[in-house]
Amino acid sequence: RSPASEWLVRRGLVEQGVPYPIMSPDP
């Protein structure tokens, strides 16, 4: 859910993306 996702799409780098969750239950 960050703008980096769309930036990777536009640069043809979607497959190179490694997503991390924006919220973690781990304090």
mmCIF file of all heavy atoms, coordinates in Angstrom:
data_MODEL
# 
_entry.id   MODEL 
# 
loop_
_atom_site.group_PDB 
_atom_site.id 
_atom_site.type_symbol 
_atom_site.label_atom_id 
_atom_site.label_alt_id 
_atom_site.label_comp_id 
_atom_site.label_asym_id 
_atom_site.label_entity_id 
_atom_site.label_seq_id 
_atom_site.pdbx_PDB_ins_code 
_atom_site.Cartn_x 
_atom_site.Cartn_y 
_atom_site.Cartn_z 
_atom_site.occupancy 
_atom_site.B_iso_or_equiv 
_atom_site.pdbx_formal_charge 
_atom_site.auth_seq_id 
_atom_site.auth_comp_id 
_atom_site.auth_asym_id 
_atom_site.auth_atom_id 
_atom_site.pdbx_PDB_model_num 
ATOM 1   N N   . ARG A 1 1  ? 0.805  -1.213  0.000   1.00 0.00 ? 1  ARG A N   1 
ATOM 2   C CA  . ARG A 1 1  ? 0.000  0.000   0.000   1.00 0.00 ? 1  ARG A CA  1 
ATOM 3   C C   . ARG A 1 1  ? 0.844  1.273   0.000   1.00 0.00 ? 1  ARG A C   1 
ATOM 4   O O   . ARG A 1 1  ? 0.418  2.333   0.465   1.00 0.00 ? 1  ARG A O   1 
ATOM 5   C CB  . ARG A 1 1  ? -0.984 0.021   1.184   1.00 0.00 ? 1  ARG A CB  1 
ATOM 6   C CG  . ARG A 1 1  ? -2.101 -1.001  1.039   1.00 0.00 ? 1  ARG A CG  1 
ATOM 7   C CD  . ARG A 1 1  ? -3.137 -0.845  2.136   1.00 0.00 ? 1  ARG A CD  1 
ATOM 8   N NE  . ARG A 1 1  ? -2.645 -1.336  3.409   1.00 0.00 ? 1  ARG A NE  1 
ATOM 9   C CZ  . ARG A 1 1  ? -3.188 -1.029  4.581   1.00 0.00 ? 1  ARG A CZ  1 
ATOM 10  N NH1 . ARG A 1 1  ? -4.209 -0.206  4.636   1.00 0.00 ? 1  ARG A NH1 1 
ATOM 11  N NH2 . ARG A 1 1  ? -2.701 -1.546  5.687   1.00 0.00 ? 1  ARG A NH2 1 
ATOM 12  N N   . SER A 1 2  ? 2.042  1.194   -0.525  1.00 0.00 ? 2  SER A N   1 
ATOM 13  C CA  . SER A 1 2  ? 2.873  2.386   -0.672  1.00 0.00 ? 2  SER A CA  1 
ATOM 14  C C   . SER A 1 2  ? 2.983  2.718   -2.159  1.00 0.00 ? 2  SER A C   1 
ATOM 15  O O   . SER A 1 2  ? 2.736  1.868   -3.016  1.00 0.00 ? 2  SER A O   1 
ATOM 16  C CB  . SER A 1 2  ? 4.263  2.145   -0.078  1.00 0.00 ? 2  SER A CB  1 
ATOM 17  O OG  . SER A 1 2  ? 5.100  1.450   -0.991  1.00 0.00 ? 2  SER A OG  1 
ATOM 18  N N   . PRO A 1 3  ? 3.363  3.963   -2.491  1.00 0.00 ? 3  PRO A N   1 
ATOM 19  C CA  . PRO A 1 3  ? 3.490  4.332   -3.908  1.00 0.00 ? 3  PRO A CA  1 
ATOM 20  C C   . PRO A 1 3  ? 4.584  3.566   -4.639  1.00 0.00 ? 3  PRO A C   1 
ATOM 21  O O   . PRO A 1 3  ? 4.635  3.596   -5.871  1.00 0.00 ? 3  PRO A O   1 
ATOM 22  C CB  . PRO A 1 3  ? 3.796  5.832   -3.862  1.00 0.00 ? 3  PRO A CB  1 
ATOM 23  C CG  . PRO A 1 3  ? 4.284  6.094   -2.486  1.00 0.00 ? 3  PRO A CG  1 
ATOM 24  C CD  . PRO A 1 3  ? 3.599  5.109   -1.606  1.00 0.00 ? 3  PRO A CD  1 
ATOM 25  N N   . ALA A 1 4  ? 5.440  2.876   -3.912  1.00 0.00 ? 4  ALA A N   1 
ATOM 26  C CA  . ALA A 1 4  ? 6.496  2.092   -4.558  1.00 0.00 ? 4  ALA A CA  1 
ATOM 27  C C   . ALA A 1 4  ? 5.919  1.025   -5.476  1.00 0.00 ? 4  ALA A C   1 
ATOM 28  O O   . ALA A 1 4  ? 6.523  0.686   -6.510  1.00 0.00 ? 4  ALA A O   1 
ATOM 29  C CB  . ALA A 1 4  ? 7.388  1.452   -3.497  1.00 0.00 ? 4  ALA A CB  1 
ATOM 30  N N   . SER A 1 5  ? 4.750  0.494   -5.117  1.00 0.00 ? 5  SER A N   1 
ATOM 31  C CA  . SER A 1 5  ? 4.145  -0.565  -5.937  1.00 0.00 ? 5  SER A CA  1 
ATOM 32  C C   . SER A 1 5  ? 3.881  -0.082  -7.358  1.00 0.00 ? 5  SER A C   1 
ATOM 33  O O   . SER A 1 5  ? 4.236  -0.743  -8.341  1.00 0.00 ? 5  SER A O   1 
ATOM 34  C CB  . SER A 1 5  ? 2.844  -1.050  -5.293  1.00 0.00 ? 5  SER A CB  1 
ATOM 35  O OG  . SER A 1 5  ? 3.083  -1.573  -4.009  1.00 0.00 ? 5  SER A OG  1 
ATOM 36  N N   . GLU A 1 6  ? 3.253  1.069   -7.486  1.00 0.00 ? 6  GLU A N   1 
ATOM 37  C CA  . GLU A 1 6  ? 2.951  1.604   -8.815  1.00 0.00 ? 6  GLU A CA  1 
ATOM 38  C C   . GLU A 1 6  ? 4.225  1.975   -9.554  1.00 0.00 ? 6  GLU A C   1 
ATOM 39  O O   . GLU A 1 6  ? 4.331  1.803   -10.772 1.00 0.00 ? 6  GLU A O   1 
ATOM 40  C CB  . GLU A 1 6  ? 2.028  2.822   -8.695  1.00 0.00 ? 6  GLU A CB  1 
ATOM 41  C CG  . GLU A 1 6  ? 1.662  3.480   -10.010 1.00 0.00 ? 6  GLU A CG  1 
ATOM 42  C CD  . GLU A 1 6  ? 0.913  2.553   -10.968 1.00 0.00 ? 6  GLU A CD  1 
ATOM 43  O OE1 . GLU A 1 6  ? 0.265  1.590   -10.493 1.00 0.00 ? 6  GLU A OE1 1 
ATOM 44  O OE2 . GLU A 1 6  ? 0.985  2.787   -12.199 1.00 0.00 ? 6  GLU A OE2 1 
ATOM 45  N N   . TRP A 1 7  ? 5.222  2.484   -8.834  1.00 0.00 ? 7  TRP A N   1 
ATOM 46  C CA  . TRP A 1 7  ? 6.491  2.848   -9.467  1.00 0.00 ? 7  TRP A CA  1 
ATOM 47  C C   . TRP A 1 7  ? 7.148  1.612   -10.083 1.00 0.00 ? 7  TRP A C   1 
ATOM 48  O O   . TRP A 1 7  ? 7.667  1.676   -11.208 1.00 0.00 ? 7  TRP A O   1 
ATOM 49  C CB  . TRP A 1 7  ? 7.400  3.479   -8.421  1.00 0.00 ? 7  TRP A CB  1 
ATOM 50  C CG  . TRP A 1 7  ? 8.649  4.117   -8.966  1.00 0.00 ? 7  TRP A CG  1 
ATOM 51  C CD1 . TRP A 1 7  ? 8.766  5.374   -9.496  1.00 0.00 ? 7  TRP A CD1 1 
ATOM 52  C CD2 . TRP A 1 7  ? 9.961  3.544   -9.011  1.00 0.00 ? 7  TRP A CD2 1 
ATOM 53  N NE1 . TRP A 1 7  ? 10.068 5.615   -9.863  1.00 0.00 ? 7  TRP A NE1 1 
ATOM 54  C CE2 . TRP A 1 7  ? 10.824 4.510   -9.577  1.00 0.00 ? 7  TRP A CE2 1 
ATOM 55  C CE3 . TRP A 1 7  ? 10.491 2.321   -8.619  1.00 0.00 ? 7  TRP A CE3 1 
ATOM 56  C CZ2 . TRP A 1 7  ? 12.182 4.279   -9.766  1.00 0.00 ? 7  TRP A CZ2 1 
ATOM 57  C CZ3 . TRP A 1 7  ? 11.842 2.084   -8.808  1.00 0.00 ? 7  TRP A CZ3 1 
ATOM 58  C CH2 . TRP A 1 7  ? 12.683 3.054   -9.376  1.00 0.00 ? 7  TRP A CH2 1 
ATOM 59  N N   . LEU A 1 8  ? 7.108  0.478   -9.382  1.00 0.00 ? 8  LEU A N   1 
ATOM 60  C CA  . LEU A 1 8  ? 7.672  -0.756  -9.926  1.00 0.00 ? 8  LEU A CA  1 
ATOM 61  C C   . LEU A 1 8  ? 6.896  -1.220  -11.153 1.00 0.00 ? 8  LEU A C   1 
ATOM 62  O O   . LEU A 1 8  ? 7.489  -1.707  -12.127 1.00 0.00 ? 8  LEU A O   1 
ATOM 63  C CB  . LEU A 1 8  ? 7.681  -1.855  -8.862  1.00 0.00 ? 8  LEU A CB  1 
ATOM 64  C CG  . LEU A 1 8  ? 8.633  -1.676  -7.680  1.00 0.00 ? 8  LEU A CG  1 
ATOM 65  C CD1 . LEU A 1 8  ? 8.552  -2.888  -6.750  1.00 0.00 ? 8  LEU A CD1 1 
ATOM 66  C CD2 . LEU A 1 8  ? 10.072 -1.459  -8.134  1.00 0.00 ? 8  LEU A CD2 1 
ATOM 67  N N   . VAL A 1 9  ? 5.574  -1.085  -11.104 1.00 0.00 ? 9  VAL A N   1 
ATOM 68  C CA  . VAL A 1 9  ? 4.746  -1.456  -12.262 1.00 0.00 ? 9  VAL A CA  1 
ATOM 69  C C   . VAL A 1 9  ? 5.186  -0.667  -13.485 1.00 0.00 ? 9  VAL A C   1 
ATOM 70  O O   . VAL A 1 9  ? 5.386  -1.231  -14.576 1.00 0.00 ? 9  VAL A O   1 
ATOM 71  C CB  . VAL A 1 9  ? 3.253  -1.209  -11.966 1.00 0.00 ? 9  VAL A CB  1 
ATOM 72  C CG1 . VAL A 1 9  ? 2.428  -1.349  -13.243 1.00 0.00 ? 9  VAL A CG1 1 
ATOM 73  C CG2 . VAL A 1 9  ? 2.745  -2.173  -10.901 1.00 0.00 ? 9  VAL A CG2 1 
ATOM 74  N N   . ARG A 1 10 ? 5.349  0.620   -13.330 1.00 0.00 ? 10 ARG A N   1 
ATOM 75  C CA  . ARG A 1 10 ? 5.691  1.483   -14.468 1.00 0.00 ? 10 ARG A CA  1 
ATOM 76  C C   . ARG A 1 10 ? 7.099  1.213   -15.003 1.00 0.00 ? 10 ARG A C   1 
ATOM 77  O O   . ARG A 1 10 ? 7.381  1.511   -16.163 1.00 0.00 ? 10 ARG A O   1 
ATOM 78  C CB  . ARG A 1 10 ? 5.575  2.950   -14.052 1.00 0.00 ? 10 ARG A CB  1 
ATOM 79  C CG  . ARG A 1 10 ? 4.147  3.361   -13.725 1.00 0.00 ? 10 ARG A CG  1 
ATOM 80  C CD  . ARG A 1 10 ? 4.054  4.816   -13.367 1.00 0.00 ? 10 ARG A CD  1 
ATOM 81  N NE  . ARG A 1 10 ? 2.678  5.210   -13.097 1.00 0.00 ? 10 ARG A NE  1 
ATOM 82  C CZ  . ARG A 1 10 ? 2.215  6.446   -13.228 1.00 0.00 ? 10 ARG A CZ  1 
ATOM 83  N NH1 . ARG A 1 10 ? 3.012  7.412   -13.640 1.00 0.00 ? 10 ARG A NH1 1 
ATOM 84  N NH2 . ARG A 1 10 ? 0.953  6.714   -12.957 1.00 0.00 ? 10 ARG A NH2 1 
ATOM 85  N N   . ARG A 1 11 ? 7.959  0.676   -14.158 1.00 0.00 ? 11 ARG A N   1 
ATOM 86  C CA  . ARG A 1 11 ? 9.336  0.390   -14.595 1.00 0.00 ? 11 ARG A CA  1 
ATOM 87  C C   . ARG A 1 11 ? 9.530  -1.061  -14.997 1.00 0.00 ? 11 ARG A C   1 
ATOM 88  O O   . ARG A 1 11 ? 10.652 -1.488  -15.275 1.00 0.00 ? 11 ARG A O   1 
ATOM 89  C CB  . ARG A 1 11 ? 10.329 0.738   -13.481 1.00 0.00 ? 11 ARG A CB  1 
ATOM 90  C CG  . ARG A 1 11 ? 10.840 2.177   -13.530 1.00 0.00 ? 11 ARG A CG  1 
ATOM 91  C CD  . ARG A 1 11 ? 9.778  3.162   -13.234 1.00 0.00 ? 11 ARG A CD  1 
ATOM 92  N NE  . ARG A 1 11 ? 10.205 4.549   -13.447 1.00 0.00 ? 11 ARG A NE  1 
ATOM 93  C CZ  . ARG A 1 11 ? 9.426  5.583   -13.210 1.00 0.00 ? 11 ARG A CZ  1 
ATOM 94  N NH1 . ARG A 1 11 ? 8.209  5.411   -12.758 1.00 0.00 ? 11 ARG A NH1 1 
ATOM 95  N NH2 . ARG A 1 11 ? 9.858  6.805   -13.441 1.00 0.00 ? 11 ARG A NH2 1 
ATOM 96  N N   . GLY A 1 12 ? 8.477  -1.825  -15.050 1.00 0.00 ? 12 GLY A N   1 
ATOM 97  C CA  . GLY A 1 12 ? 8.599  -3.226  -15.427 1.00 0.00 ? 12 GLY A CA  1 
ATOM 98  C C   . GLY A 1 12 ? 9.350  -4.059  -14.414 1.00 0.00 ? 12 GLY A C   1 
ATOM 99  O O   . GLY A 1 12 ? 10.024 -5.034  -14.774 1.00 0.00 ? 12 GLY A O   1 
ATOM 100 N N   . LEU A 1 13 ? 9.199  -3.705  -13.116 1.00 0.00 ? 13 LEU A N   1 
ATOM 101 C CA  . LEU A 1 13 ? 9.943  -4.390  -12.065 1.00 0.00 ? 13 LEU A CA  1 
ATOM 102 C C   . LEU A 1 13 ? 9.034  -5.081  -11.048 1.00 0.00 ? 13 LEU A C   1 
ATOM 103 O O   . LEU A 1 13 ? 9.466  -5.367  -9.920  1.00 0.00 ? 13 LEU A O   1 
ATOM 104 C CB  . LEU A 1 13 ? 10.850 -3.386  -11.339 1.00 0.00 ? 13 LEU A CB  1 
ATOM 105 C CG  . LEU A 1 13 ? 12.007 -2.788  -12.159 1.00 0.00 ? 13 LEU A CG  1 
ATOM 106 C CD1 . LEU A 1 13 ? 12.629 -1.607  -11.430 1.00 0.00 ? 13 LEU A CD1 1 
ATOM 107 C CD2 . LEU A 1 13 ? 13.057 -3.855  -12.457 1.00 0.00 ? 13 LEU A CD2 1 
ATOM 108 N N   . VAL A 1 14 ? 7.804  -5.367  -11.451 1.00 0.00 ? 14 VAL A N   1 
ATOM 109 C CA  . VAL A 1 14 ? 6.859  -5.976  -10.512 1.00 0.00 ? 14 VAL A CA  1 
ATOM 110 C C   . VAL A 1 14 ? 7.377  -7.305  -9.974  1.00 0.00 ? 14 VAL A C   1 
ATOM 111 O O   . VAL A 1 14 ? 7.283  -7.594  -8.771  1.00 0.00 ? 14 VAL A O   1 
ATOM 112 C CB  . VAL A 1 14 ? 5.486  -6.181  -11.190 1.00 0.00 ? 14 VAL A CB  1 
ATOM 113 C CG1 . VAL A 1 14 ? 4.548  -6.958  -10.268 1.00 0.00 ? 14 VAL A CG1 1 
ATOM 114 C CG2 . VAL A 1 14 ? 4.875  -4.848  -11.552 1.00 0.00 ? 14 VAL A CG2 1 
ATOM 115 N N   . GLU A 1 15 ? 7.928  -8.123  -10.854 1.00 0.00 ? 15 GLU A N   1 
ATOM 116 C CA  . GLU A 1 15 ? 8.400  -9.439  -10.433 1.00 0.00 ? 15 GLU A CA  1 
ATOM 117 C C   . GLU A 1 15 ? 9.579  -9.348  -9.476  1.00 0.00 ? 15 GLU A C   1 
ATOM 118 O O   . GLU A 1 15 ? 9.870  -10.294 -8.736  1.00 0.00 ? 15 GLU A O   1 
ATOM 119 C CB  . GLU A 1 15 ? 8.803  -10.265 -11.661 1.00 0.00 ? 15 GLU A CB  1 
ATOM 120 C CG  . GLU A 1 15 ? 7.657  -10.585 -12.598 1.00 0.00 ? 15 GLU A CG  1 
ATOM 121 C CD  . GLU A 1 15 ? 6.560  -11.382 -11.897 1.00 0.00 ? 15 GLU A CD  1 
ATOM 122 O OE1 . GLU A 1 15 ? 6.891  -12.285 -11.110 1.00 0.00 ? 15 GLU A OE1 1 
ATOM 123 O OE2 . GLU A 1 15 ? 5.371  -11.083 -12.138 1.00 0.00 ? 15 GLU A OE2 1 
ATOM 124 N N   . GLN A 1 16 ? 10.245 -8.220  -9.468  1.00 0.00 ? 16 GLN A N   1 
ATOM 125 C CA  . GLN A 1 16 ? 11.387 -8.043  -8.589  1.00 0.00 ? 16 GLN A CA  1 
ATOM 126 C C   . GLN A 1 16 ? 10.981 -7.529  -7.201  1.00 0.00 ? 16 GLN A C   1 
ATOM 127 O O   . GLN A 1 16 ? 11.801 -7.481  -6.286  1.00 0.00 ? 16 GLN A O   1 
ATOM 128 C CB  . GLN A 1 16 ? 12.391 -7.074  -9.222  1.00 0.00 ? 16 GLN A CB  1 
ATOM 129 C CG  . GLN A 1 16 ? 13.175 -7.659  -10.381 1.00 0.00 ? 16 GLN A CG  1 
ATOM 130 C CD  . GLN A 1 16 ? 12.305 -7.935  -11.611 1.00 0.00 ? 16 GLN A CD  1 
ATOM 131 O OE1 . GLN A 1 16 ? 11.494 -7.103  -12.012 1.00 0.00 ? 16 GLN A OE1 1 
ATOM 132 N NE2 . GLN A 1 16 ? 12.477 -9.111  -12.195 1.00 0.00 ? 16 GLN A NE2 1 
ATOM 133 N N   . GLY A 1 17 ? 9.735  -7.126  -7.056  1.00 0.00 ? 17 GLY A N   1 
ATOM 134 C CA  . GLY A 1 17 ? 9.274  -6.582  -5.780  1.00 0.00 ? 17 GLY A CA  1 
ATOM 135 C C   . GLY A 1 17 ? 9.121  -7.655  -4.710  1.00 0.00 ? 17 GLY A C   1 
ATOM 136 O O   . GLY A 1 17 ? 8.635  -8.749  -4.972  1.00 0.00 ? 17 GLY A O   1 
ATOM 137 N N   . VAL A 1 18 ? 9.546  -7.326  -3.502  1.00 0.00 ? 18 VAL A N   1 
ATOM 138 C CA  . VAL A 1 18 ? 9.386  -8.206  -2.336  1.00 0.00 ? 18 VAL A CA  1 
ATOM 139 C C   . VAL A 1 18 ? 8.526  -7.447  -1.332  1.00 0.00 ? 18 VAL A C   1 
ATOM 140 O O   . VAL A 1 18 ? 9.019  -6.533  -0.657  1.00 0.00 ? 18 VAL A O   1 
ATOM 141 C CB  . VAL A 1 18 ? 10.738 -8.579  -1.699  1.00 0.00 ? 18 VAL A CB  1 
ATOM 142 C CG1 . VAL A 1 18 ? 10.531 -9.483  -0.489  1.00 0.00 ? 18 VAL A CG1 1 
ATOM 143 C CG2 . VAL A 1 18 ? 11.659 -9.225  -2.730  1.00 0.00 ? 18 VAL A CG2 1 
ATOM 144 N N   . PRO A 1 19 ? 7.222  -7.765  -1.240  1.00 0.00 ? 19 PRO A N   1 
ATOM 145 C CA  . PRO A 1 19 ? 6.332  -6.967  -0.385  1.00 0.00 ? 19 PRO A CA  1 
ATOM 146 C C   . PRO A 1 19 ? 6.479  -7.291  1.095   1.00 0.00 ? 19 PRO A C   1 
ATOM 147 O O   . PRO A 1 19 ? 6.700  -8.442  1.477   1.00 0.00 ? 19 PRO A O   1 
ATOM 148 C CB  . PRO A 1 19 ? 4.940  -7.355  -0.891  1.00 0.00 ? 19 PRO A CB  1 
ATOM 149 C CG  . PRO A 1 19 ? 5.114  -8.732  -1.443  1.00 0.00 ? 19 PRO A CG  1 
ATOM 150 C CD  . PRO A 1 19 ? 6.498  -8.791  -2.003  1.00 0.00 ? 19 PRO A CD  1 
ATOM 151 N N   . TYR A 1 20 ? 6.352  -6.259  1.921   1.00 0.00 ? 20 TYR A N   1 
ATOM 152 C CA  . TYR A 1 20 ? 6.339  -6.379  3.376   1.00 0.00 ? 20 TYR A CA  1 
ATOM 153 C C   . TYR A 1 20 ? 5.013  -5.823  3.886   1.00 0.00 ? 20 TYR A C   1 
ATOM 154 O O   . TYR A 1 20 ? 4.517  -4.820  3.350   1.00 0.00 ? 20 TYR A O   1 
ATOM 155 C CB  . TYR A 1 20 ? 7.486  -5.572  3.999   1.00 0.00 ? 20 TYR A CB  1 
ATOM 156 C CG  . TYR A 1 20 ? 8.848  -6.194  3.826   1.00 0.00 ? 20 TYR A CG  1 
ATOM 157 C CD1 . TYR A 1 20 ? 9.457  -6.252  2.567   1.00 0.00 ? 20 TYR A CD1 1 
ATOM 158 C CD2 . TYR A 1 20 ? 9.533  -6.721  4.910   1.00 0.00 ? 20 TYR A CD2 1 
ATOM 159 C CE1 . TYR A 1 20 ? 10.709 -6.818  2.406   1.00 0.00 ? 20 TYR A CE1 1 
ATOM 160 C CE2 . TYR A 1 20 ? 10.802 -7.286  4.759   1.00 0.00 ? 20 TYR A CE2 1 
ATOM 161 C CZ  . TYR A 1 20 ? 11.378 -7.333  3.511   1.00 0.00 ? 20 TYR A CZ  1 
ATOM 162 O OH  . TYR A 1 20 ? 12.632 -7.897  3.345   1.00 0.00 ? 20 TYR A OH  1 
ATOM 163 N N   . PRO A 1 21 ? 4.427  -6.421  4.908   1.00 0.00 ? 21 PRO A N   1 
ATOM 164 C CA  . PRO A 1 21 ? 3.154  -5.913  5.426   1.00 0.00 ? 21 PRO A CA  1 
ATOM 165 C C   . PRO A 1 21 ? 3.326  -4.567  6.106   1.00 0.00 ? 21 PRO A C   1 
ATOM 166 O O   . PRO A 1 21 ? 4.303  -4.344  6.828   1.00 0.00 ? 21 PRO A O   1 
ATOM 167 C CB  . PRO A 1 21 ? 2.706  -6.982  6.425   1.00 0.00 ? 21 PRO A CB  1 
ATOM 168 C CG  . PRO A 1 21 ? 3.979  -7.648  6.845   1.00 0.00 ? 21 PRO A CG  1 
ATOM 169 C CD  . PRO A 1 21 ? 4.871  -7.628  5.632   1.00 0.00 ? 21 PRO A CD  1 
ATOM 170 N N   . ILE A 1 22 ? 2.384  -3.673  5.870   1.00 0.00 ? 22 ILE A N   1 
ATOM 171 C CA  . ILE A 1 22 ? 2.464  -2.344  6.463   1.00 0.00 ? 22 ILE A CA  1 
ATOM 172 C C   . ILE A 1 22 ? 2.196  -2.381  7.958   1.00 0.00 ? 22 ILE A C   1 
ATOM 173 O O   . ILE A 1 22 ? 2.637  -1.526  8.709   1.00 0.00 ? 22 ILE A O   1 
ATOM 174 C CB  . ILE A 1 22 ? 1.491  -1.385  5.747   1.00 0.00 ? 22 ILE A CB  1 
ATOM 175 C CG1 . ILE A 1 22 ? 1.834  0.063   6.044   1.00 0.00 ? 22 ILE A CG1 1 
ATOM 176 C CG2 . ILE A 1 22 ? 0.051  -1.678  6.114   1.00 0.00 ? 22 ILE A CG2 1 
ATOM 177 C CD1 . ILE A 1 22 ? 1.082  1.054   5.213   1.00 0.00 ? 22 ILE A CD1 1 
ATOM 178 N N   . MET A 1 23 ? 1.450  -3.384  8.402   1.00 0.00 ? 23 MET A N   1 
ATOM 179 C CA  . MET A 1 23 ? 1.186  -3.544  9.827   1.00 0.00 ? 23 MET A CA  1 
ATOM 180 C C   . MET A 1 23 ? 1.570  -4.944  10.258  1.00 0.00 ? 23 MET A C   1 
ATOM 181 O O   . MET A 1 23 ? 1.277  -5.908  9.567   1.00 0.00 ? 23 MET A O   1 
ATOM 182 C CB  . MET A 1 23 ? -0.292 -3.295  10.143  1.00 0.00 ? 23 MET A CB  1 
ATOM 183 C CG  . MET A 1 23 ? -0.702 -1.850  10.048  1.00 0.00 ? 23 MET A CG  1 
ATOM 184 S SD  . MET A 1 23 ? -2.331 -1.573  10.746  1.00 0.00 ? 23 MET A SD  1 
ATOM 185 C CE  . MET A 1 23 ? -2.489 0.196   10.470  1.00 0.00 ? 23 MET A CE  1 
ATOM 186 N N   . SER A 1 24 ? 2.208  -5.031  11.397  1.00 0.00 ? 24 SER A N   1 
ATOM 187 C CA  . SER A 1 24 ? 2.613  -6.319  11.942  1.00 0.00 ? 24 SER A CA  1 
ATOM 188 C C   . SER A 1 24 ? 2.056  -6.453  13.354  1.00 0.00 ? 24 SER A C   1 
ATOM 189 O O   . SER A 1 24 ? 2.075  -5.484  14.124  1.00 0.00 ? 24 SER A O   1 
ATOM 190 C CB  . SER A 1 24 ? 4.143  -6.430  11.977  1.00 0.00 ? 24 SER A CB  1 
ATOM 191 O OG  . SER A 1 24 ? 4.548  -7.544  12.751  1.00 0.00 ? 24 SER A OG  1 
ATOM 192 N N   . PRO A 1 25 ? 1.576  -7.640  13.728  1.00 0.00 ? 25 PRO A N   1 
ATOM 193 C CA  . PRO A 1 25 ? 1.103  -7.829  15.106  1.00 0.00 ? 25 PRO A CA  1 
ATOM 194 C C   . PRO A 1 25 ? 2.236  -7.919  16.124  1.00 0.00 ? 25 PRO A C   1 
ATOM 195 O O   . PRO A 1 25 ? 1.999  -7.913  17.323  1.00 0.00 ? 25 PRO A O   1 
ATOM 196 C CB  . PRO A 1 25 ? 0.326  -9.146  15.023  1.00 0.00 ? 25 PRO A CB  1 
ATOM 197 C CG  . PRO A 1 25 ? 0.975  -9.901  13.900  1.00 0.00 ? 25 PRO A CG  1 
ATOM 198 C CD  . PRO A 1 25 ? 1.373  -8.849  12.907  1.00 0.00 ? 25 PRO A CD  1 
ATOM 199 N N   . ASP A 1 26 ? 3.466  -8.004  15.636  1.00 0.00 ? 26 ASP A N   1 
ATOM 200 C CA  . ASP A 1 26 ? 4.621  -8.153  16.511  1.00 0.00 ? 26 ASP A CA  1 
ATOM 201 C C   . ASP A 1 26 ? 5.040  -6.786  17.056  1.00 0.00 ? 26 ASP A C   1 
ATOM 202 O O   . ASP A 1 26 ? 5.493  -5.926  16.294  1.00 0.00 ? 26 ASP A O   1 
ATOM 203 C CB  . ASP A 1 26 ? 5.769  -8.778  15.729  1.00 0.00 ? 26 ASP A CB  1 
ATOM 204 C CG  . ASP A 1 26 ? 7.023  -8.979  16.579  1.00 0.00 ? 26 ASP A CG  1 
ATOM 205 O OD1 . ASP A 1 26 ? 6.980  -8.666  17.786  1.00 0.00 ? 26 ASP A OD1 1 
ATOM 206 O OD2 . ASP A 1 26 ? 8.035  -9.448  16.023  1.00 0.00 ? 26 ASP A OD2 1 
ATOM 207 N N   . PRO A 1 27 ? 4.930  -6.541  18.362  1.00 0.00 ? 27 PRO A N   1 
ATOM 208 C CA  . PRO A 1 27 ? 5.298  -5.228  18.902  1.00 0.00 ? 27 PRO A CA  1 
ATOM 209 C C   . PRO A 1 27 ? 6.784  -4.929  18.808  1.00 0.00 ? 27 PRO A C   1 
ATOM 210 O O   . PRO A 1 27 ? 7.198  -3.776  18.935  1.00 0.00 ? 27 PRO A O   1 
ATOM 211 C CB  . PRO A 1 27 ? 4.842  -5.316  20.366  1.00 0.00 ? 27 PRO A CB  1 
ATOM 212 C CG  . PRO A 1 27 ? 4.844  -6.770  20.682  1.00 0.00 ? 27 PRO A CG  1 
ATOM 213 C CD  . PRO A 1 27 ? 4.459  -7.463  19.404  1.00 0.00 ? 27 PRO A CD  1 
# 
